């Protein structure tokens, strides 16, 4: 499923982290509106933006490695 193979992979690490924060804020509101458990919505969002979906969050995340040090 390589719809956008290179577009999302060139995002800067700070933009990826901002997208993660945005999802954490928006997904619970959307889930409450459609009466879906918040955990299910966050898991679905993680699958979509993760390394097996749109690949916005890569398999070897630079931000996580930077913050871990």
Protein backbone atom coordinates (compact mmCIF):
# COMPACT_ATOMS: atom_id res chain seq x y z
CA UNK A 1 0.00 0.00 0.00
CA UNK A 2 2.46 2.64 -1.17
CA UNK A 3 0.06 5.44 -2.05
CA UNK A 4 2.42 8.14 -0.81
CA UNK A 5 5.79 6.39 -0.71
CA UNK A 6 8.09 9.40 -0.33
CA UNK A 7 5.84 12.31 0.61
CA UNK A 8 5.34 11.41 4.27
CA UNK A 9 8.83 10.00 4.75
CA UNK A 10 10.36 13.43 4.16
CA UNK A 11 8.47 15.04 7.07
CA UNK A 12 10.80 16.63 9.61
CA UNK A 13 10.85 14.90 13.00
CA UNK A 14 9.18 17.84 14.75
CA UNK A 15 6.27 17.74 12.28
CA UNK A 16 5.81 14.03 12.97
CA UNK A 17 5.74 14.68 16.70
CA UNK A 18 3.23 17.51 16.21
CA UNK A 19 1.04 15.16 14.18
CA UNK A 20 1.14 12.65 17.03
CA UNK A 21 0.06 15.29 19.54
CA UNK A 22 -2.70 16.41 17.18
CA UNK A 23 -4.01 12.85 16.89
CA UNK A 24 -3.96 12.40 20.66
CA UNK A 25 -6.13 15.50 21.00
CA UNK A 26 -8.54 15.04 18.08
CA UNK A 27 -9.18 11.28 17.96
CA UNK A 28 -10.81 11.06 21.43
CA UNK A 29 -13.23 13.87 20.53
CA UNK A 30 -14.19 12.13 17.30
CA UNK A 31 -14.60 8.80 19.06
CA UNK A 32 -16.95 10.26 21.66
CA UNK A 33 -19.02 11.84 18.88
CA UNK A 34 -19.53 8.48 17.12
CA UNK A 35 -19.83 6.47 20.37
CA UNK A 36 -16.66 4.47 19.84
CA UNK A 37 -14.28 3.62 22.69
CA UNK A 38 -11.35 6.05 22.72
CA UNK A 39 -8.77 3.27 22.93
CA UNK A 40 -10.10 1.68 19.74
CA UNK A 41 -9.91 5.02 17.94
CA UNK A 42 -6.35 5.66 19.08
CA UNK A 43 -5.28 2.17 18.03
CA UNK A 44 -6.89 2.67 14.60
CA UNK A 45 -5.16 6.04 14.22
CA UNK A 46 -1.84 4.43 15.15
CA UNK A 47 -2.31 1.76 12.52
CA UNK A 48 -3.13 4.35 9.86
CA UNK A 49 -0.14 6.62 10.53
CA UNK A 50 2.28 3.86 11.55
CA UNK A 51 4.91 2.04 9.51
CA UNK A 52 2.36 -0.37 8.03
CA UNK A 53 -0.17 2.29 6.99
CA UNK A 54 0.71 5.65 5.46
CA UNK A 55 4.23 5.39 6.92
CA UNK A 56 4.09 8.85 8.50
CA UNK A 57 5.73 7.39 11.60
CA UNK A 58 8.66 5.28 10.33
CA UNK A 59 9.77 1.96 11.71
CA UNK A 60 12.99 3.51 13.12
CA UNK A 61 11.70 6.78 14.57
CA UNK A 62 14.30 9.53 14.84
CA UNK A 63 12.28 11.51 17.41
CA UNK A 64 11.89 8.57 19.76
CA UNK A 65 15.59 7.78 19.55
CA UNK A 66 16.46 11.43 20.18
CA UNK A 67 14.15 11.71 23.20
CA UNK A 68 15.35 8.38 24.59
CA UNK A 69 18.93 9.62 24.90
